[in-house]
């Protein structure tokens, strides 16, 4: 029989509480996870064990969770673990451990360097956007401007996450998120929903939205991406996401997912509507951009030039299918200009 426990936030959890800890700084991630487990009186599960899957965690709950005085687990995950998979596994009805907090341990000093690596940048964005808590390592204040930019990016990427400063042996205070209803809204989602509130001191970081009813000409869009992501022509775009349409693939809406120089376009399923028909998710473009020193007007003007002209629209879908389309097949990533 599963026990009900009451975490620090006061919400009753049907099962044993699980706090997931992620982060690119492996040593600090483990140190923090172990301190958090000790402070809460929870069982610490290292990344080597969580990598074996949710079945291993369930077995640990069965073996240890029934012991007197054990009310929760702190689960450390390595860099290769997708946060969406963590949330999905620990939010499933049949799991014995219930996710109440996903903590991302961050070093603001290391953030600019992490963003220089395509692979690390993608992992970093994933961890920050899915986190309900951001545990920030105490930074060296010798680079105040760099720290301010890092904090501005974090607040734009994860506006709903709670933030705590790690200083010495401190761990974060009570926090609890209902992951059964979904993760916190990422910054790009809030931007597209017109719910984003910029931080009071964003520094060089800003965000903008691009909306356009017309589909993109694939060749012209490729040129804009090369200039925007490869050459930083309109500021440094750190993150963009949303929904897009290519004229050459007109009847499929793409999920646009970009972090630094990596862009992934993935097909979205059509929404079923009453009567058995299919409603297209979007006809044109709805994209959110987050970055440093963004030239919003210049970027949006360049994207506007990449959509179909009046004459191209009149030519019709059969002509659009003949446009050169160098984008890779769906579900594959490509470095723009590569």
Protein backbone atom coordinates (compact mmCIF):
# COMPACT_ATOMS: atom_id res chain seq x y z
CA UNK A 1 0.00 0.00 0.00
CA UNK A 2 1.31 3.45 -0.89
CA UNK A 3 1.66 5.92 1.92
CA UNK A 4 0.57 9.54 1.75
CA UNK A 5 3.14 12.08 2.78
CA UNK A 6 3.01 15.83 3.25
CA UNK A 7 6.00 17.67 1.75
CA UNK A 8 7.34 20.95 3.01
CA UNK A 9 4.90 22.93 0.87
CA UNK A 10 1.97 21.37 2.70
CA UNK A 11 0.39 19.57 -0.28
CA UNK A 12 -0.53 15.97 0.41
CA UNK A 13 1.28 13.58 -1.93
CA UNK A 14 -0.19 10.12 -2.65
CA UNK A 15 3.02 8.14 -2.61
CA UNK A 16 6.56 8.96 -1.56
CA UNK A 17 7.89 12.38 -2.47
CA UNK A 18 10.63 12.55 -5.09
CA UNK A 19 12.82 15.58 -5.74
CA UNK A 20 14.78 15.40 -8.99
CA UNK A 21 18.11 17.25 -9.24
CA UNK A 22 19.76 18.08 -12.58
CA UNK A 23 22.63 20.35 -13.61
CA UNK A 24 25.68 20.51 -15.88
CA UNK A 25 28.12 21.04 -12.99
CA UNK A 26 28.34 17.38 -11.93
CA UNK A 27 30.30 17.88 -8.72
CA UNK A 28 28.07 20.72 -7.48
CA UNK A 29 24.93 18.86 -8.57
CA UNK A 30 25.86 15.82 -6.49
CA UNK A 31 27.01 17.87 -3.52
CA UNK A 32 23.77 19.82 -3.50
CA UNK A 33 21.58 16.72 -3.94
CA UNK A 34 23.30 15.00 -1.01
CA UNK A 35 22.93 18.08 1.20
CA UNK A 36 19.27 18.40 0.27
CA UNK A 37 18.64 14.75 1.09
CA UNK A 38 20.38 15.15 4.45
CA UNK A 39 18.46 18.30 5.33
CA UNK A 40 15.09 16.72 4.47
CA UNK A 41 15.87 13.29 5.90
CA UNK A 42 15.35 11.76 2.45
CA UNK A 43 17.21 8.93 0.72
CA UNK A 44 19.79 10.10 -1.82
CA UNK A 45 19.82 8.17 -5.11
CA UNK A 46 22.88 8.91 -7.31
CA UNK A 47 22.81 9.38 -11.07
CA UNK A 48 24.32 5.95 -11.64
CA UNK A 49 21.14 4.39 -10.24
CA UNK A 50 18.54 6.74 -11.73
CA UNK A 51 20.09 6.07 -15.16
CA UNK A 52 18.75 2.50 -14.85
CA UNK A 53 15.19 3.73 -15.24
CA UNK A 54 11.98 4.24 -13.27
CA UNK A 55 11.76 0.51 -12.46
CA UNK A 56 14.91 0.82 -10.34
CA UNK A 57 13.43 3.79 -8.49
CA UNK A 58 10.19 1.90 -7.85
CA UNK A 59 12.17 -1.02 -6.43
CA UNK A 60 14.04 1.35 -4.12
CA UNK A 61 10.74 2.79 -2.93
CA UNK A 62 9.47 -0.72 -2.20
CA UNK A 63 12.65 -1.74 -0.37
CA UNK A 64 13.48 1.47 1.49
CA UNK A 65 10.33 3.54 1.39
CA UNK A 66 8.54 1.29 3.85
CA UNK A 67 11.22 1.87 6.47
CA UNK A 68 10.30 3.99 9.43
CA UNK A 69 11.07 7.68 9.02
CA UNK A 70 11.66 7.64 5.25
CA UNK A 71 9.37 10.16 3.59
CA UNK A 72 11.09 10.90 0.31
CA UNK A 73 13.92 10.52 -2.16
CA UNK A 74 16.31 12.96 -3.78
CA UNK A 75 17.07 11.64 -7.26
CA UNK A 76 20.20 12.87 -9.03
CA UNK A 77 20.20 12.68 -12.85
CA UNK A 78 23.13 12.92 -15.23
CA UNK A 79 23.44 15.32 -18.16
CA UNK A 80 22.10 12.85 -20.70
CA UNK A 81 18.67 12.59 -19.09
CA UNK A 82 15.80 14.42 -20.79
CA UNK A 83 13.80 16.42 -18.25
CA UNK A 84 10.53 15.68 -20.04
CA UNK A 85 11.24 11.98 -19.53
CA UNK A 86 11.92 12.52 -15.82
CA UNK A 87 8.62 14.35 -15.41
CA UNK A 88 6.71 11.79 -17.45
CA UNK A 89 8.10 8.81 -15.53
CA UNK A 90 7.54 10.34 -12.08
CA UNK A 91 4.08 11.69 -12.94
CA UNK A 92 2.65 8.43 -14.27
CA UNK A 93 -0.26 7.06 -12.21
CA UNK A 94 1.48 3.73 -11.60
CA UNK A 95 4.78 5.09 -10.27
CA UNK A 96 5.46 4.76 -6.56
CA UNK A 97 7.50 7.97 -6.29
CA UNK A 98 5.74 11.27 -6.96
CA UNK A 99 7.70 14.20 -8.36
CA UNK A 100 7.18 17.37 -6.32
CA UNK A 101 10.22 19.42 -7.34
CA UNK A 102 12.70 19.45 -10.22
CA UNK A 103 15.81 21.37 -9.16
CA UNK A 104 18.34 22.65 -11.67
CA UNK A 105 21.71 23.49 -10.09
CA UNK A 106 23.24 26.39 -12.01
CA UNK A 107 26.54 28.26 -11.92
CA UNK A 108 25.92 31.73 -13.44
CA UNK A 109 29.66 32.10 -14.07
CA UNK A 110 29.74 28.94 -16.22
CA UNK A 111 26.56 29.76 -18.14
CA UNK A 112 28.19 31.84 -20.92
CA UNK A 113 30.72 29.07 -21.57
CA UNK A 114 28.01 26.42 -21.61
CA UNK A 115 26.14 28.43 -24.23
CA UNK A 116 29.19 28.34 -26.51
CA UNK A 117 28.76 24.56 -26.89
CA UNK A 118 25.87 23.46 -29.06
CA UNK A 119 25.35 20.21 -27.14
CA UNK A 120 25.69 21.74 -23.67
CA UNK A 121 23.49 24.69 -24.61
CA UNK A 122 20.65 22.38 -25.65
CA UNK A 123 20.88 20.47 -22.35
CA UNK A 124 21.12 23.68 -20.34
CA UNK A 125 18.00 25.17 -21.93
CA UNK A 126 16.09 21.91 -21.38
CA UNK A 127 17.04 21.80 -17.70
CA UNK A 128 16.27 25.45 -17.00
CA UNK A 129 12.93 25.51 -18.81
CA UNK A 130 11.59 22.38 -17.11
CA UNK A 131 12.82 23.25 -13.61
CA UNK A 132 10.44 24.26 -10.84
CA UNK A 133 13.43 25.40 -8.74
CA UNK A 134 16.70 27.00 -9.82
CA UNK A 135 19.49 26.56 -7.28
CA UNK A 136 22.09 29.20 -8.16
CA UNK A 137 25.67 28.78 -7.01
CA UNK A 138 27.11 31.83 -5.30
CA UNK A 139 29.06 33.68 -7.99
CA UNK A 140 32.28 35.66 -8.03
CA UNK A 141 31.13 39.28 -8.25
CA UNK A 142 34.20 40.37 -10.22
CA UNK A 143 32.17 40.12 -13.45
CA UNK A 144 28.95 41.90 -12.52
CA UNK A 145 27.91 42.49 -16.14
CA UNK A 146 28.31 38.82 -17.03
CA UNK A 147 26.39 37.73 -13.94
CA UNK A 148 23.59 40.17 -14.77
CA UNK A 149 23.33 38.80 -18.32
CA UNK A 150 23.24 35.21 -17.01
CA UNK A 151 20.50 36.02 -14.50
CA UNK A 152 18.54 37.89 -17.16
CA UNK A 153 18.65 34.87 -19.45
CA UNK A 154 17.58 32.55 -16.65
CA UNK A 155 14.61 34.76 -15.78
CA UNK A 156 13.55 34.92 -19.42
CA UNK A 157 13.88 31.16 -19.96
CA UNK A 158 12.11 30.11 -16.75
CA UNK A 159 9.88 32.92 -15.44
CA UNK A 160 7.82 30.62 -13.19
CA UNK A 161 10.68 28.80 -11.47
CA UNK A 162 11.58 29.57 -7.87
CA UNK A 163 15.16 30.78 -7.37
CA UNK A 164 17.47 30.10 -4.45
CA UNK A 165 21.07 31.08 -3.87
CA UNK A 166 23.35 28.27 -2.72
CA UNK A 167 25.82 29.59 -0.17
CA UNK A 168 27.87 27.12 1.85
CA UNK A 169 25.75 24.25 3.12
CA UNK A 170 22.40 25.97 2.53
CA UNK A 171 19.67 24.21 0.54
CA UNK A 172 16.51 25.68 -0.87
CA UNK A 173 13.44 26.30 1.21
CA UNK A 174 10.01 24.71 0.82
CA UNK A 175 8.80 24.43 -2.75
CA UNK A 176 6.28 22.19 -4.42
CA UNK A 177 4.96 21.99 -7.95
CA UNK A 178 2.06 19.90 -9.18
CA UNK A 179 3.79 18.12 -12.04
CA UNK A 180 0.69 16.06 -12.59
CA UNK A 181 -0.74 19.17 -14.24
CA UNK A 182 2.43 19.79 -16.26
CA UNK A 183 5.80 21.51 -15.77
CA UNK A 184 6.14 25.27 -15.20
CA UNK A 185 5.56 27.35 -18.33
CA UNK A 186 8.79 28.15 -20.17
CA UNK A 187 9.51 31.73 -21.15
CA UNK A 188 8.77 31.14 -24.82
CA UNK A 189 5.37 29.68 -23.96
CA UNK A 190 4.52 32.72 -21.84
CA UNK A 191 5.60 35.01 -24.70
CA UNK A 192 3.34 33.27 -27.21
CA UNK A 193 0.46 33.37 -24.72
CA UNK A 194 1.03 37.11 -24.12
CA UNK A 195 1.64 36.34 -20.44
CA UNK A 196 5.34 37.09 -20.20
CA UNK A 197 6.44 39.83 -17.80
CA UNK A 198 10.03 40.97 -18.39
CA UNK A 199 12.27 41.07 -15.29
CA UNK A 200 12.70 44.48 -13.67
CA UNK A 201 16.42 44.44 -14.50
CA UNK A 202 16.88 42.38 -17.67
CA UNK A 203 20.16 44.04 -18.66
CA UNK A 204 21.12 43.19 -22.25
CA UNK A 205 18.58 40.37 -22.41
CA UNK A 206 15.25 40.87 -24.15
CA UNK A 207 12.51 38.91 -25.86
CA UNK A 208 10.28 39.44 -28.87
CA UNK A 209 7.53 37.71 -30.78
CA UNK A 210 7.15 37.21 -34.53
CA UNK A 211 3.72 36.55 -36.02
CA UNK A 212 3.01 36.16 -39.72
CA UNK A 213 0.13 34.46 -41.50
CA UNK A 214 2.10 33.58 -44.63
CA UNK A 215 4.27 30.45 -44.86
CA UNK A 216 8.03 30.69 -45.21
CA UNK A 217 9.86 30.27 -48.49
CA UNK A 218 12.35 27.56 -47.40
CA UNK A 219 15.33 28.95 -49.30
CA UNK A 220 14.91 32.50 -48.02
CA UNK A 221 14.31 31.27 -44.47
CA UNK A 222 17.55 29.29 -44.66
CA UNK A 223 19.42 32.48 -45.57
CA UNK A 224 17.88 34.36 -42.64
CA UNK A 225 18.79 31.57 -40.22
CA UNK A 226 22.39 31.53 -41.43
CA UNK A 227 22.64 35.29 -40.81
CA UNK A 228 20.73 35.23 -37.51
CA UNK A 229 22.24 32.16 -35.83
CA UNK A 230 25.56 31.86 -37.58
CA UNK A 231 26.52 35.53 -37.82
CA UNK A 232 24.50 37.18 -35.01
CA UNK A 233 23.24 39.82 -37.45
CA UNK A 234 20.37 40.92 -35.19
CA UNK A 235 21.92 40.25 -31.79
CA UNK A 236 22.72 36.92 -30.20
CA UNK A 237 19.65 34.69 -30.27
CA UNK A 238 20.03 32.24 -27.39
CA UNK A 239 16.59 30.66 -27.54
CA UNK A 240 13.68 30.67 -29.96
CA UNK A 241 10.68 28.38 -30.08
CA UNK A 242 7.16 28.25 -31.38
CA UNK A 243 5.36 27.09 -34.49
CA UNK A 244 6.17 27.56 -38.16
CA UNK A 245 5.14 26.53 -41.67
CA UNK A 246 7.24 25.98 -44.76
CA UNK A 247 5.48 26.51 -48.08
CA UNK A 248 7.15 23.36 -49.40
CA UNK A 249 5.60 21.37 -46.52
CA UNK A 250 2.41 23.34 -46.29
CA UNK A 251 0.10 20.88 -44.59
CA UNK A 252 2.33 20.20 -41.58
CA UNK A 253 2.91 22.65 -38.75
CA UNK A 254 6.46 22.46 -37.43
CA UNK A 255 7.50 22.91 -33.83
CA UNK A 256 10.43 25.34 -34.00
CA UNK A 257 13.00 24.52 -31.29
CA UNK A 258 16.31 26.44 -31.30
CA UNK A 259 19.09 26.77 -28.73
CA UNK A 260 22.14 28.85 -29.78
CA UNK A 261 23.20 27.39 -33.18
CA UNK A 262 21.09 24.24 -33.14
CA UNK A 263 17.65 24.35 -34.78
CA UNK A 264 15.20 21.48 -34.75
CA UNK A 265 11.99 21.50 -36.77
CA UNK A 266 9.62 18.70 -35.79
CA UNK A 267 6.21 17.96 -37.28
CA UNK A 268 3.25 18.61 -35.05
CA UNK A 269 0.18 16.36 -35.18
CA UNK A 270 -3.02 17.90 -36.43
CA UNK A 271 -5.73 18.59 -33.87
CA UNK A 272 -8.86 16.46 -34.24
CA UNK A 273 -12.05 18.51 -34.31
CA UNK A 274 -15.72 17.69 -33.93
CA UNK A 275 -17.13 15.82 -36.89
CA UNK A 276 -14.02 13.80 -37.59
CA UNK A 277 -12.24 16.54 -39.52
CA UNK A 278 -8.72 17.81 -38.93
CA UNK A 279 -7.90 21.37 -37.93
CA UNK A 280 -4.49 22.72 -38.86
CA UNK A 281 -2.57 23.95 -35.81
CA UNK A 282 -1.51 27.18 -37.47
CA UNK A 283 -1.35 28.54 -41.00
CA UNK A 284 1.73 30.70 -40.61
CA UNK A 285 4.30 31.61 -37.99
CA UNK A 286 4.20 32.26 -34.25
CA UNK A 287 7.71 32.41 -32.79
CA UNK A 288 9.28 33.69 -29.57
CA UNK A 289 12.90 34.88 -29.46
CA UNK A 290 15.12 35.40 -26.40
CA UNK A 291 18.63 36.77 -26.64
CA UNK A 292 21.25 39.40 -25.97
CA UNK A 293 21.21 42.82 -27.67
CA UNK A 294 18.32 41.76 -29.91
CA UNK A 295 17.41 44.01 -32.82
CA UNK A 296 13.70 43.19 -32.80
CA UNK A 297 12.79 45.41 -35.74
CA UNK A 298 15.64 44.13 -37.89
CA UNK A 299 14.98 40.47 -37.06
CA UNK A 300 11.24 40.69 -37.73
CA UNK A 301 11.85 42.59 -40.98
CA UNK A 302 14.24 39.87 -42.16
CA UNK A 303 11.73 37.15 -41.29
CA UNK A 304 8.98 39.06 -43.10
CA UNK A 305 11.14 39.05 -46.23
CA UNK A 306 11.41 35.26 -45.92
CA UNK A 307 7.68 34.58 -46.28
CA UNK A 308 5.87 34.20 -49.60
CA UNK A 309 5.31 37.28 -51.73
CA UNK A 310 1.95 38.18 -53.27
CA UNK A 311 3.00 36.66 -56.59
CA UNK A 312 4.19 33.45 -54.92
CA UNK A 313 0.93 33.13 -53.01
CA UNK A 314 -1.03 33.46 -56.26
CA UNK A 315 1.10 30.73 -57.85
CA UNK A 316 -0.50 28.23 -55.48
CA UNK A 317 0.54 25.13 -53.50
CA UNK A 318 1.62 23.07 -56.53
CA UNK A 319 4.26 25.68 -57.33
CA UNK A 320 5.37 25.84 -53.69
CA UNK A 321 6.20 22.15 -53.71
CA UNK A 322 8.87 22.86 -56.32
CA UNK A 323 10.77 25.35 -54.12
CA UNK A 324 14.31 24.28 -53.17
CA UNK A 325 14.08 22.90 -49.63
CA UNK A 326 17.42 22.12 -48.02
CA UNK A 327 15.99 21.54 -44.55
CA UNK A 328 16.57 17.99 -43.35
CA UNK A 329 13.85 15.43 -42.95
CA UNK A 330 11.59 15.93 -39.96
CA UNK A 331 12.99 15.08 -36.52
CA UNK A 332 16.60 15.79 -37.46
CA UNK A 333 18.70 18.71 -36.26
CA UNK A 334 20.79 20.89 -38.49
CA UNK A 335 23.30 23.63 -37.94
CA UNK A 336 22.11 26.56 -40.10
CA UNK A 337 24.44 27.18 -42.98
CA UNK A 338 26.07 23.75 -42.50
